[in-house]
Amino acid sequence: MDTTVASAPVLPAEEHRIELRAAVRFPLVVPITITTEWGDLPAVTENISANGVLFELATSLVVGSTVGFTIAMPAEAMGTPTDVVLHCTGRVVRCTPDVRPEVKTTHVAAVIDKYHFSH
């Protein structure tokens, strides 16, 4: 009698990941100003959703720290006749140094706790 048990194929770790984000991310690359207790820092967004933003910054931020950020949203992205400025307050949830050794930036994810628009 054959007692061999067939096993499921082992998948790479990235195929096991479950997407936990509740909001669609939009790949929007625009300048952003990050306001911290140490001052304002220039950055560039990588993507944005209703819940948060991922941006590239020249320095790391403390996970859990409160940040303000101002994003000039292009009219064509917003479906409006003019650009819209989005003012947000949020919290840093992740900081990841860029994997490329020649690049000295950090990818920072922040959740949006409060926001308002202006023109």
PDB file of N, CA and C in Angstrom:
ATOM      1  N   MET A   1       0.831  -1.170   0.000  1.00  0.00           N
ATOM      2  CA  MET A   1       0.000   0.000   0.000  1.00  0.00           C
ATOM      3  C   MET A   1       0.883   1.243   0.000  1.00  0.00           C
ATOM      4  N   ASP A   2       0.602   2.192  -0.893  1.00  0.00           N
ATOM      5  CA  ASP A   2       1.386   3.430  -1.010  1.00  0.00           C
ATOM      6  C   ASP A   2       0.865   4.456  -0.008  1.00  0.00           C
ATOM      7  N   THR A   3       1.727   4.959   0.873  1.00  0.00           N
ATOM      8  CA  THR A   3       1.318   5.944   1.882  1.00  0.00           C
ATOM      9  C   THR A   3       1.855   7.340   1.579  1.00  0.00           C
ATOM     10  N   THR A   4       2.230   7.602   0.345  1.00  0.00           N
ATOM     11  CA  THR A   4       2.738   8.910  -0.048  1.00  0.00           C
ATOM     12  C   THR A   4       1.604   9.934  -0.007  1.00  0.00           C
ATOM     13  N   VAL A   5       1.881  11.053   0.603  1.00  0.00           N
ATOM     14  CA  VAL A   5       0.887  12.124   0.694  1.00  0.00           C
ATOM     15  C   VAL A   5       1.310  13.253  -0.238  1.00  0.00           C
ATOM     16  N   ALA A   6       0.402  13.655  -1.094  1.00  0.00           N
ATOM     17  CA  ALA A   6       0.694  14.768  -1.997  1.00  0.00           C
ATOM     18  C   ALA A   6       0.598  16.071  -1.218  1.00  0.00           C
ATOM     19  N   SER A   7       1.543  16.953  -1.442  1.00  0.00           N
ATOM     20  CA  SER A   7       1.500  18.245  -0.754  1.00  0.00           C
ATOM     21  C   SER A   7       1.262  19.349  -1.774  1.00  0.00           C
ATOM     22  N   ALA A   8       0.715  20.448  -1.274  1.00  0.00           N
ATOM     23  CA  ALA A   8       0.483  21.608  -2.131  1.00  0.00           C
ATOM     24  C   ALA A   8       1.823  22.217  -2.503  1.00  0.00           C
ATOM     25  N   PRO A   9       1.921  22.798  -3.691  1.00  0.00           N
ATOM     26  CA  PRO A   9       3.190  23.428  -4.074  1.00  0.00           C
ATOM     27  C   PRO A   9       3.498  24.596  -3.147  1.00  0.00           C
ATOM     28  N   VAL A  10       4.770  24.801  -2.870  1.00  0.00           N
ATOM     29  CA  VAL A  10       5.204  25.911  -2.036  1.00  0.00           C
ATOM     30  C   VAL A  10       5.325  27.139  -2.933  1.00  0.00           C
ATOM     31  N   LEU A  11       4.634  28.202  -2.533  1.00  0.00           N
ATOM     32  CA  LEU A  11       4.642  29.431  -3.311  1.00  0.00           C
ATOM     33  C   LEU A  11       5.601  30.436  -2.690  1.00  0.00           C
ATOM     34  N   PRO A  12       6.211  31.287  -3.502  1.00  0.00           N
ATOM     35  CA  PRO A  12       7.065  32.345  -2.943  1.00  0.00           C
ATOM     36  C   PRO A  12       6.250  33.214  -1.989  1.00  0.00           C
ATOM     37  N   ALA A  13       6.920  33.829  -1.030  1.00  0.00           N
ATOM     38  CA  ALA A  13       6.260  34.630   0.003  1.00  0.00           C
ATOM     39  C   ALA A  13       5.358  35.712  -0.575  1.00  0.00           C
ATOM     40  N   GLU A  14       5.766  36.346  -1.683  1.00  0.00           N
ATOM     41  CA  GLU A  14       4.952  37.433  -2.231  1.00  0.00           C
ATOM     42  C   GLU A  14       3.610  36.942  -2.764  1.00  0.00           C
ATOM     43  N   GLU A  15       3.493  35.665  -3.081  1.00  0.00           N
ATOM     44  CA  GLU A  15       2.220  35.133  -3.548  1.00  0.00           C
ATOM     45  C   GLU A  15       1.297  34.793  -2.385  1.00  0.00           C
ATOM     46  N   HIS A  16       1.813  34.764  -1.162  1.00  0.00           N
ATOM     47  CA  HIS A  16       1.016  34.476   0.024  1.00  0.00           C
ATOM     48  C   HIS A  16       0.429  35.740   0.639  1.00  0.00           C
ATOM     49  N   ARG A  17       0.900  36.894   0.237  1.00  0.00           N
ATOM     50  CA  ARG A  17       0.456  38.136   0.854  1.00  0.00           C
ATOM     51  C   ARG A  17      -1.015  38.388   0.564  1.00  0.00           C
ATOM     52  N   ILE A  18      -1.693  38.884   1.569  1.00  0.00           N
ATOM     53  CA  ILE A  18      -3.081  39.280   1.414  1.00  0.00           C
ATOM     54  C   ILE A  18      -3.130  40.799   1.498  1.00  0.00           C
ATOM     55  N   GLU A  19      -3.765  41.418   0.527  1.00  0.00           N
ATOM     56  CA  GLU A  19      -3.878  42.873   0.497  1.00  0.00           C
ATOM     57  C   GLU A  19      -4.859  43.321   1.569  1.00  0.00           C
ATOM     58  N   LEU A  20      -4.390  44.094   2.548  1.00  0.00           N
ATOM     59  CA  LEU A  20      -5.223  44.531   3.655  1.00  0.00           C
ATOM     60  C   LEU A  20      -5.716  45.961   3.500  1.00  0.00           C
ATOM     61  N   ARG A  21      -5.282  46.656   2.478  1.00  0.00           N
ATOM     62  CA  ARG A  21      -5.699  48.041   2.310  1.00  0.00           C
ATOM     63  C   ARG A  21      -7.176  48.091   1.945  1.00  0.00           C
ATOM     64  N   ALA A  22      -7.861  49.073   2.537  1.00  0.00           N
ATOM     65  CA  ALA A  22      -9.293  49.208   2.303  1.00  0.00           C
ATOM     66  C   ALA A  22      -9.603  50.208   1.192  1.00  0.00           C
ATOM     67  N   ALA A  23      -8.624  50.959   0.752  1.00  0.00           N
ATOM     68  CA  ALA A  23      -8.859  51.993  -0.258  1.00  0.00           C
ATOM     69  C   ALA A  23      -7.943  51.777  -1.454  1.00  0.00           C
ATOM     70  N   VAL A  24      -8.437  52.155  -2.616  1.00  0.00           N
ATOM     71  CA  VAL A  24      -7.664  52.057  -3.845  1.00  0.00           C
ATOM     72  C   VAL A  24      -6.551  53.094  -3.819  1.00  0.00           C
ATOM     73  N   ARG A  25      -5.345  52.675  -4.213  1.00  0.00           N
ATOM     74  CA  ARG A  25      -4.217  53.598  -4.298  1.00  0.00           C
ATOM     75  C   ARG A  25      -4.088  54.112  -5.730  1.00  0.00           C
ATOM     76  N   PHE A  26      -3.778  55.384  -5.852  1.00  0.00           N
ATOM     77  CA  PHE A  26      -3.583  56.001  -7.155  1.00  0.00           C
ATOM     78  C   PHE A  26      -2.119  56.408  -7.295  1.00  0.00           C
ATOM     79  N   PRO A  27      -1.447  55.965  -8.356  1.00  0.00           N
ATOM     80  CA  PRO A  27      -0.032  56.325  -8.552  1.00  0.00           C
ATOM     81  C   PRO A  27       0.087  57.780  -8.997  1.00  0.00           C
ATOM     82  N   LEU A  28       0.189  58.668  -8.034  1.00  0.00           N
ATOM     83  CA  LEU A  28       0.247  60.096  -8.301  1.00  0.00           C
ATOM     84  C   LEU A  28       1.575  60.637  -7.803  1.00  0.00           C
ATOM     85  N   VAL A  29       2.376  61.162  -8.726  1.00  0.00           N
ATOM     86  CA  VAL A  29       3.695  61.692  -8.376  1.00  0.00           C
ATOM     87  C   VAL A  29       3.636  63.214  -8.467  1.00  0.00           C
ATOM     88  N   VAL A  30       3.549  63.851  -7.276  1.00  0.00           N
ATOM     89  CA  VAL A  30       3.495  65.320  -7.205  1.00  0.00           C
ATOM     90  C   VAL A  30       4.338  65.781  -6.016  1.00  0.00           C
ATOM     91  N   PRO A  31       4.814  67.031  -6.067  1.00  0.00           N
ATOM     92  CA  PRO A  31       5.561  67.564  -4.913  1.00  0.00           C
ATOM     93  C   PRO A  31       4.642  67.665  -3.694  1.00  0.00           C
ATOM     94  N   ILE A  32       5.234  67.487  -2.531  1.00  0.00           N
ATOM     95  CA  ILE A  32       4.489  67.534  -1.278  1.00  0.00           C
ATOM     96  C   ILE A  32       5.381  68.195  -0.233  1.00  0.00           C
ATOM     97  N   THR A  33       4.771  68.920   0.690  1.00  0.00           N
ATOM     98  CA  THR A  33       5.513  69.504   1.802  1.00  0.00           C
ATOM     99  C   THR A  33       5.105  68.783   3.076  1.00  0.00           C
ATOM    100  N   ILE A  34       6.076  68.210   3.772  1.00  0.00           N
ATOM    101  CA  ILE A  34       5.831  67.500   5.030  1.00  0.00           C
ATOM    102  C   ILE A  34       6.164  68.455   6.170  1.00  0.00           C
ATOM    103  N   THR A  35       5.229  68.649   7.087  1.00  0.00           N
ATOM    104  CA  THR A  35       5.450  69.513   8.240  1.00  0.00           C
ATOM    105  C   THR A  35       5.611  68.640   9.479  1.00  0.00           C
ATOM    106  N   THR A  36       6.776  68.780  10.128  1.00  0.00           N
ATOM    107  CA  THR A  36       7.067  68.029  11.349  1.00  0.00           C
ATOM    108  C   THR A  36       7.363  69.019  12.465  1.00  0.00           C
ATOM    109  N   GLU A  37       7.574  68.518  13.658  1.00  0.00           N
ATOM    110  CA  GLU A  37       7.941  69.412  14.763  1.00  0.00           C
ATOM    111  C   GLU A  37       9.318  70.019  14.556  1.00  0.00           C
ATOM    112  N   TRP A  38      10.103  69.484  13.602  1.00  0.00           N
ATOM    113  CA  TRP A  38      11.450  70.001  13.306  1.00  0.00           C
ATOM    114  C   TRP A  38      11.466  70.936  12.112  1.00  0.00           C
ATOM    115  N   GLY A  39      10.307  71.142  11.482  1.00  0.00           N
ATOM    116  CA  GLY A  39      10.244  72.039  10.339  1.00  0.00           C
ATOM    117  C   GLY A  39       9.635  71.380   9.115  1.00  0.00           C
ATOM    118  N   ASP A  40       9.629  72.119   8.006  1.00  0.00           N
ATOM    119  CA  ASP A  40       9.053  71.636   6.750  1.00  0.00           C
ATOM    120  C   ASP A  40      10.107  70.900   5.928  1.00  0.00           C
ATOM    121  N   LEU A  41       9.673  69.816   5.272  1.00  0.00           N
ATOM    122  CA  LEU A  41      10.567  69.003   4.451  1.00  0.00           C
ATOM    123  C   LEU A  41       9.939  68.782   3.083  1.00  0.00           C
ATOM    124  N   PRO A  42      10.708  68.970   2.001  1.00  0.00           N
ATOM    125  CA  PRO A  42      10.169  68.681   0.673  1.00  0.00           C
ATOM    126  C   PRO A  42      10.182  67.175   0.417  1.00  0.00           C
ATOM    127  N   ALA A  43       9.170  66.701  -0.283  1.00  0.00           N
ATOM    128  CA  ALA A  43       9.075  65.287  -0.632  1.00  0.00           C
ATOM    129  C   ALA A  43       8.304  65.166  -1.939  1.00  0.00           C
ATOM    130  N   VAL A  44       8.153  63.920  -2.406  1.00  0.00           N
ATOM    131  CA  VAL A  44       7.391  63.631  -3.623  1.00  0.00           C
ATOM    132  C   VAL A  44       6.493  62.433  -3.333  1.00  0.00           C
ATOM    133  N   THR A  45       5.216  62.539  -3.697  1.00  0.00           N
ATOM    134  CA  THR A  45       4.317  61.412  -3.479  1.00  0.00           C
ATOM    135  C   THR A  45       4.642  60.278  -4.448  1.00  0.00           C
ATOM    136  N   GLU A  46       4.377  59.054  -4.000  1.00  0.00           N
ATOM    137  CA  GLU A  46       4.483  57.875  -4.865  1.00  0.00           C
ATOM    138  C   GLU A  46       3.094  57.370  -5.208  1.00  0.00           C
ATOM    139  N   ASN A  47       2.216  57.352  -4.191  1.00  0.00           N
ATOM    140  CA  ASN A  47       0.821  57.038  -4.424  1.00  0.00           C
ATOM    141  C   ASN A  47       0.001  57.617  -3.285  1.00  0.00           C
ATOM    142  N   ILE A  48      -1.312  57.711  -3.529  1.00  0.00           N
ATOM    143  CA  ILE A  48      -2.205  58.303  -2.549  1.00  0.00           C
ATOM    144  C   ILE A  48      -3.529  57.559  -2.589  1.00  0.00           C
ATOM    145  N   SER A  49      -4.181  57.459  -1.440  1.00  0.00           N
ATOM    146  CA  SER A  49      -5.510  56.857  -1.353  1.00  0.00           C
ATOM    147  C   SER A  49      -6.354  57.720  -0.423  1.00  0.00           C
ATOM    148  N   ALA A  50      -7.590  57.334  -0.223  1.00  0.00           N
ATOM    149  CA  ALA A  50      -8.452  58.070   0.702  1.00  0.00           C
ATOM    150  C   ALA A  50      -7.952  57.938   2.134  1.00  0.00           C
ATOM    151  N   ASN A  51      -7.185  56.898   2.419  1.00  0.00           N
ATOM    152  CA  ASN A  51      -6.728  56.642   3.788  1.00  0.00           C
ATOM    153  C   ASN A  51      -5.308  57.096   4.081  1.00  0.00           C
ATOM    154  N   GLY A  52      -4.487  57.284   3.051  1.00  0.00           N
ATOM    155  CA  GLY A  52      -3.100  57.613   3.327  1.00  0.00           C
ATOM    156  C   GLY A  52      -2.311  57.979   2.091  1.00  0.00           C
ATOM    157  N   VAL A  53      -1.019  58.180   2.324  1.00  0.00           N
ATOM    158  CA  VAL A  53      -0.120  58.589   1.252  1.00  0.00           C
ATOM    159  C   VAL A  53       1.239  57.914   1.462  1.00  0.00           C
ATOM    160  N   LEU A  54       1.869  57.558   0.353  1.00  0.00           N
ATOM    161  CA  LEU A  54       3.244  57.057   0.374  1.00  0.00           C
ATOM    162  C   LEU A  54       4.083  58.097  -0.335  1.00  0.00           C
ATOM    163  N   PHE A  55       5.153  58.548   0.340  1.00  0.00           N
ATOM    164  CA  PHE A  55       5.991  59.570  -0.273  1.00  0.00           C
ATOM    165  C   PHE A  55       7.461  59.241  -0.073  1.00  0.00           C
ATOM    166  N   GLU A  56       8.275  59.863  -0.914  1.00  0.00           N
ATOM    167  CA  GLU A  56       9.723  59.686  -0.868  1.00  0.00           C
ATOM    168  C   GLU A  56      10.329  60.942  -0.260  1.00  0.00           C
ATOM    169  N   LEU A  57      11.197  60.729   0.732  1.00  0.00           N
ATOM    170  CA  LEU A  57      11.751  61.817   1.519  1.00  0.00           C
ATOM    171  C   LEU A  57      13.248  61.610   1.680  1.00  0.00           C
ATOM    172  N   ALA A  58      14.002  62.689   1.825  1.00  0.00           N
ATOM    173  CA  ALA A  58      15.462  62.591   1.946  1.00  0.00           C
ATOM    174  C   ALA A  58      15.915  62.094   3.311  1.00  0.00           C
ATOM    175  N   THR A  59      15.012  62.023   4.274  1.00  0.00           N
ATOM    176  CA  THR A  59      15.362  61.584   5.623  1.00  0.00           C
ATOM    177  C   THR A  59      14.283  60.660   6.158  1.00  0.00           C
ATOM    178  N   SER A  60      14.573  59.969   7.226  1.00  0.00           N
ATOM    179  CA  SER A  60      13.591  59.091   7.849  1.00  0.00           C
ATOM    180  C   SER A  60      12.782  59.877   8.878  1.00  0.00           C
ATOM    181  N   LEU A  61      11.558  59.431   9.138  1.00  0.00           N
ATOM    182  CA  LEU A  61      10.730  60.025  10.183  1.00  0.00           C
ATOM    183  C   LEU A  61      10.446  58.959  11.240  1.00  0.00           C
ATOM    184  N   VAL A  62      10.065  59.394  12.417  1.00  0.00           N
ATOM    185  CA  VAL A  62       9.778  58.463  13.501  1.00  0.00           C
ATOM    186  C   VAL A  62       8.390  57.855  13.290  1.00  0.00           C
ATOM    187  N   VAL A  63       8.323  56.519  13.255  1.00  0.00           N
ATOM    188  CA  VAL A  63       7.038  55.843  13.130  1.00  0.00           C
ATOM    189  C   VAL A  63       6.187  56.212  14.343  1.00  0.00           C
ATOM    190  N   GLY A  64       4.946  56.600  14.083  1.00  0.00           N
ATOM    191  CA  GLY A  64       4.040  57.030  15.143  1.00  0.00           C
ATOM    192  C   GLY A  64       3.977  58.536  15.307  1.00  0.00           C
ATOM    193  N   SER A  65       4.938  59.250  14.705  1.00  0.00           N
ATOM    194  CA  SER A  65       4.938  60.711  14.853  1.00  0.00           C
ATOM    195  C   SER A  65       3.834  61.341  14.007  1.00  0.00           C
ATOM    196  N   THR A  66       3.358  62.482  14.474  1.00  0.00           N
ATOM    197  CA  THR A  66       2.331  63.238  13.761  1.00  0.00           C
ATOM    198  C   THR A  66       2.999  64.111  12.714  1.00  0.00           C
ATOM    199  N   VAL A  67       2.421  64.132  11.532  1.00  0.00           N
ATOM    200  CA  VAL A  67       2.939  64.973  10.454  1.00  0.00           C
ATOM    201  C   VAL A  67       1.773  65.709   9.798  1.00  0.00           C
ATOM    202  N   GLY A  68       2.092  66.854   9.252  1.00  0.00           N
ATOM    203  CA  GLY A  68       1.159  67.572   8.405  1.00  0.00           C
ATOM    204  C   GLY A  68       1.689  67.488   6.991  1.00  0.00           C
ATOM    205  N   PHE A  69       0.827  67.478   6.027  1.00  0.00           N
ATOM    206  CA  PHE A  69       1.315  67.521   4.656  1.00  0.00           C
ATOM    207  C   PHE A  69       0.328  68.255   3.778  1.00  0.00           C
ATOM    208  N   THR A  70       0.903  68.957   2.827  1.00  0.00           N
ATOM    209  CA  THR A  70       0.137  69.752   1.880  1.00  0.00           C
ATOM    210  C   THR A  70       0.460  69.239   0.491  1.00  0.00           C
ATOM    211  N   ILE A  71      -0.588  68.885  -0.250  1.00  0.00           N
ATOM    212  CA  ILE A  71      -0.411  68.326  -1.585  1.00  0.00           C
ATOM    213  C   ILE A  71      -1.205  69.171  -2.572  1.00  0.00           C
ATOM    214  N   ALA A  72      -0.541  69.654  -3.605  1.00  0.00           N
ATOM    215  CA  ALA A  72      -1.236  70.351  -4.691  1.00  0.00           C
ATOM    216  C   ALA A  72      -1.708  69.295  -5.672  1.00  0.00           C
ATOM    217  N   MET A  73      -3.009  69.036  -5.676  1.00  0.00           N
ATOM    218  CA  MET A  73      -3.589  68.004  -6.544  1.00  0.00           C
ATOM    219  C   MET A  73      -3.904  68.621  -7.906  1.00  0.00           C
ATOM    220  N   PRO A  74      -3.342  68.053  -8.975  1.00  0.00           N
ATOM    221  CA  PRO A  74      -3.589  68.606 -10.306  1.00  0.00           C
ATOM    222  C   PRO A  74      -5.072  68.543 -10.686  1.00  0.00           C
ATOM    223  N   ALA A  75      -5.530  69.574 -11.370  1.00  0.00           N
ATOM    224  CA  ALA A  75      -6.940  69.654 -11.776  1.00  0.00           C
ATOM    225  C   ALA A  75      -7.379  68.404 -12.525  1.00  0.00           C
ATOM    226  N   GLU A  76      -6.515  67.902 -13.421  1.00  0.00           N
ATOM    227  CA  GLU A  76      -6.903  66.731 -14.215  1.00  0.00           C
ATOM    228  C   GLU A  76      -7.067  65.478 -13.358  1.00  0.00           C
ATOM    229  N   ALA A  77      -6.341  65.380 -12.251  1.00  0.00           N
ATOM    230  CA  ALA A  77      -6.477  64.234 -11.354  1.00  0.00           C
ATOM    231  C   ALA A  77      -7.742  64.348 -10.511  1.00  0.00           C
ATOM    232  N   MET A  78      -8.160  65.580 -10.226  1.00  0.00           N
ATOM    233  CA  MET A  78      -9.321  65.823  -9.367  1.00  0.00           C
ATOM    234  C   MET A  78     -10.616  66.002 -10.158  1.00  0.00           C
ATOM    235  N   GLY A  79     -10.497  66.208 -11.471  1.00  0.00           N
ATOM    236  CA  GLY A  79     -11.692  66.460 -12.276  1.00  0.00           C
ATOM    237  C   GLY A  79     -12.287  67.833 -12.005  1.00  0.00           C
ATOM    238  N   THR A  80     -11.425  68.791 -11.674  1.00  0.00           N
ATOM    239  CA  THR A  80     -11.868  70.154 -11.382  1.00  0.00           C
ATOM    240  C   THR A  80     -11.230  71.114 -12.382  1.00  0.00           C
ATOM    241  N   PRO A  81     -11.788  72.313 -12.527  1.00  0.00           N
ATOM    242  CA  PRO A  81     -11.213  73.268 -13.480  1.00  0.00           C
ATOM    243  C   PRO A  81      -9.864  73.836 -13.036  1.00  0.00           C
ATOM    244  N   THR A  82      -9.583  73.819 -11.734  1.00  0.00           N
ATOM    245  CA  THR A  82      -8.309  74.337 -11.226  1.00  0.00           C
ATOM    246  C   THR A  82      -7.695  73.332 -10.252  1.00  0.00           C
ATOM    247  N   ASP A  83      -6.399  73.498  -9.991  1.00  0.00           N
ATOM    248  CA  ASP A  83      -5.734  72.641  -9.015  1.00  0.00           C
ATOM    249  C   ASP A  83      -6.395  72.813  -7.643  1.00  0.00           C
ATOM    250  N   VAL A  84      -6.340  71.757  -6.851  1.00  0.00           N
ATOM    251  CA  VAL A  84      -6.905  71.771  -5.510  1.00  0.00           C
ATOM    252  C   VAL A  84      -5.774  71.468  -4.536  1.00  0.00           C
ATOM    253  N   VAL A  85      -5.706  72.226  -3.436  1.00  0.00           N
ATOM    254  CA  VAL A  85      -4.682  71.985  -2.426  1.00  0.00           C
ATOM    255  C   VAL A  85      -5.324  71.185  -1.294  1.00  0.00           C
ATOM    256  N   LEU A  86      -4.696  70.076  -0.961  1.00  0.00           N
ATOM    257  CA  LEU A  86      -5.163  69.185   0.092  1.00  0.00           C
ATOM    258  C   LEU A  86      -4.261  69.356   1.303  1.00  0.00           C
ATOM    259  N   HIS A  87      -4.843  69.750   2.438  1.00  0.00           N
ATOM    260  CA  HIS A  87      -4.109  69.937   3.690  1.00  0.00           C
ATOM    261  C   HIS A  87      -4.475  68.785   4.611  1.00  0.00           C
ATOM    262  N   CYS A  88      -3.486  68.009   5.045  1.00  0.00           N
ATOM    263  CA  CYS A  88      -3.748  66.811   5.854  1.00  0.00           C
ATOM    264  C   CYS A  88      -2.938  66.812   7.139  1.00  0.00           C
ATOM    265  N   THR A  89      -3.474  66.117   8.129  1.00  0.00           N
ATOM    266  CA  THR A  89      -2.744  65.773   9.337  1.00  0.00           C
ATOM    267  C   THR A  89      -2.842  64.262   9.462  1.00  0.00           C
ATOM    268  N   GLY A  90      -1.707  63.650   9.750  1.00  0.00           N
ATOM    269  CA  GLY A  90      -1.709  62.195   9.846  1.00  0.00           C
ATOM    270  C   GLY A  90      -0.586  61.685  10.716  1.00  0.00           C
ATOM    271  N   ARG A  91      -0.371  60.374  10.634  1.00  0.00           N
ATOM    272  CA  ARG A  91       0.654  59.706  11.435  1.00  0.00           C
ATOM    273  C   ARG A  91       1.519  58.830  10.546  1.00  0.00           C
ATOM    274  N   VAL A  92       2.802  58.820  10.821  1.00  0.00           N
ATOM    275  CA  VAL A  92       3.739  57.959  10.092  1.00  0.00           C
ATOM    276  C   VAL A  92       3.526  56.525  10.568  1.00  0.00           C
ATOM    277  N   VAL A  93       3.312  55.616   9.604  1.00  0.00           N
ATOM    278  CA  VAL A  93       3.112  54.207   9.961  1.00  0.00           C
ATOM    279  C   VAL A  93       4.243  53.306   9.481  1.00  0.00           C
ATOM    280  N   ARG A  94       5.048  53.804   8.553  1.00  0.00           N
ATOM    281  CA  ARG A  94       6.153  52.982   8.044  1.00  0.00           C
ATOM    282  C   ARG A  94       7.208  53.858   7.392  1.00  0.00           C
ATOM    283  N   CYS A  95       8.491  53.517   7.607  1.00  0.00           N
ATOM    284  CA  CYS A  95       9.624  54.158   6.931  1.00  0.00           C
ATOM    285  C   CYS A  95      10.526  53.054   6.419  1.00  0.00           C
ATOM    286  N   THR A  96      10.789  53.065   5.120  1.00  0.00           N
ATOM    287  CA  THR A  96      11.620  52.035   4.512  1.00  0.00           C
ATOM    288  C   THR A  96      12.699  52.698   3.663  1.00  0.00           C
ATOM    289  N   PRO A  97      13.973  52.489   3.994  1.00  0.00           N
ATOM    290  CA  PRO A  97      15.035  53.055   3.151  1.00  0.00           C
ATOM    291  C   PRO A  97      14.951  52.468   1.739  1.00  0.00           C
ATOM    292  N   ASP A  98      15.301  53.271   0.756  1.00  0.00           N
ATOM    293  CA  ASP A  98      15.316  52.786  -0.622  1.00  0.00           C
ATOM    294  C   ASP A  98      16.334  51.660  -0.739  1.00  0.00           C
ATOM    295  N   VAL A  99      16.000  50.622  -1.485  1.00  0.00           N
ATOM    296  CA  VAL A  99      16.880  49.449  -1.600  1.00  0.00           C
ATOM    297  C   VAL A  99      18.068  49.690  -2.521  1.00  0.00           C
ATOM    298  N   ARG A 100      17.992  50.715  -3.349  1.00  0.00           N
ATOM    299  CA  ARG A 100      19.106  51.016  -4.252  1.00  0.00           C
ATOM    300  C   ARG A 100      20.200  51.747  -3.481  1.00  0.00           C
ATOM    301  N   PRO A 101      21.411  51.213  -3.429  1.00  0.00           N
ATOM    302  CA  PRO A 101      22.471  51.829  -2.620  1.00  0.00           C
ATOM    303  C   PRO A 101      22.842  53.247  -3.056  1.00  0.00           C
ATOM    304  N   GLU A 102      22.662  53.568  -4.331  1.00  0.00           N
ATOM    305  CA  GLU A 102      23.024  54.901  -4.811  1.00  0.00           C
ATOM    306  C   GLU A 102      21.946  55.947  -4.495  1.00  0.00           C
ATOM    307  N   VAL A 103      20.787  55.501  -4.020  1.00  0.00           N
ATOM    308  CA  VAL A 103      19.687  56.406  -3.708  1.00  0.00           C
ATOM    309  C   VAL A 103      19.596  56.568  -2.194  1.00  0.00           C
ATOM    310  N   LYS A 104      19.639  57.783  -1.733  1.00  0.00           N
ATOM    311  CA  LYS A 104      19.644  58.061  -0.291  1.00  0.00           C
ATOM    312  C   LYS A 104      18.302  58.636   0.158  1.00  0.00           C
ATOM    313  N   THR A 105      17.211  57.947  -0.161  1.00  0.00           N
ATOM    314  CA  THR A 105      15.894  58.416   0.249  1.00  0.00           C
ATOM    315  C   THR A 105      15.173  57.335   1.043  1.00  0.00           C
ATOM    316  N   THR A 106      14.083  57.740   1.671  1.00  0.00           N
ATOM    317  CA  THR A 106      13.258  56.837   2.456  1.00  0.00           C
ATOM    318  C   THR A 106      11.829  56.908   1.930  1.00  0.00           C
ATOM    319  N   HIS A 107      11.175  55.765   1.856  1.00  0.00           N
ATOM    320  CA  HIS A 107       9.767  55.692   1.473  1.00  0.00           C
ATOM    321  C   HIS A 107       8.966  55.719   2.775  1.00  0.00           C
ATOM    322  N   VAL A 108       8.125  56.731   2.923  1.00  0.00           N
ATOM    323  CA  VAL A 108       7.381  56.937   4.162  1.00  0.00           C
ATOM    324  C   VAL A 108       5.892  56.787   3.871  1.00  0.00           C
ATOM    325  N   ALA A 109       5.228  55.953   4.673  1.00  0.00           N
ATOM    326  CA  ALA A 109       3.780  55.795   4.575  1.00  0.00           C
ATOM    327  C   ALA A 109       3.139  56.491   5.762  1.00  0.00           C
ATOM    328  N   ALA A 110       2.102  57.272   5.488  1.00  0.00           N
ATOM    329  CA  ALA A 110       1.382  57.971   6.549  1.00  0.00           C
ATOM    330  C   ALA A 110      -0.119  57.793   6.346  1.00  0.00           C
ATOM    331  N   VAL A 111      -0.832  57.565   7.427  1.00  0.00           N
ATOM    332  CA  VAL A 111      -2.289  57.531   7.358  1.00  0.00           C
ATOM    333  C   VAL A 111      -2.798  58.961   7.483  1.00  0.00           C
ATOM    334  N   ILE A 112      -3.935  59.224   6.876  1.00  0.00           N
ATOM    335  CA  ILE A 112      -4.554  60.541   6.946  1.00  0.00           C
ATOM    336  C   ILE A 112      -5.618  60.500   8.042  1.00  0.00           C
ATOM    337  N   ASP A 113      -5.431  61.335   9.070  1.00  0.00           N
ATOM    338  CA  ASP A 113      -6.404  61.412  10.162  1.00  0.00           C
ATOM    339  C   ASP A 113      -7.433  62.525   9.929  1.00  0.00           C
ATOM    340  N   LYS A 114      -6.964  63.669   9.404  1.00  0.00           N
ATOM    341  CA  LYS A 114      -7.850  64.816   9.125  1.00  0.00           C
ATOM    342  C   LYS A 114      -7.390  65.464   7.826  1.00  0.00           C
ATOM    343  N   TYR A 115      -8.341  66.085   7.120  1.00  0.00           N
ATOM    344  CA  TYR A 115      -7.967  66.802   5.903  1.00  0.00           C
ATOM    345  C   TYR A 115      -8.996  67.879   5.585  1.00  0.00           C
ATOM    346  N   HIS A 116      -8.571  68.843   4.800  1.00  0.00           N
ATOM    347  CA  HIS A 116      -9.483  69.832   4.209  1.00  0.00           C
ATOM    348  C   HIS A 116      -8.872  70.320   2.898  1.00  0.00           C
ATOM    349  N   PHE A 117      -9.736  70.798   2.023  1.00  0.00           N
ATOM    350  CA  PHE A 117      -9.328  71.272   0.708  1.00  0.00           C
ATOM    351  C   PHE A 117      -9.338  72.791   0.663  1.00  0.00           C
ATOM    352  N   SER A 118      -8.501  73.354  -0.204  1.00  0.00           N
ATOM    353  CA  SER A 118      -8.559  74.774  -0.527  1.00  0.00           C
ATOM    354  C   SER A 118      -8.190  74.924  -1.999  1.00  0.00           C
ATOM    355  N   HIS A 119      -8.514  76.091  -2.551  1.00  0.00           N
ATOM    356  CA  HIS A 119      -8.210  76.343  -3.977  1.00  0.00           C
ATOM    357  C   HIS A 119      -7.101  77.350  -4.098  1.00  0.00           C
TER     358      HIS A 119
END
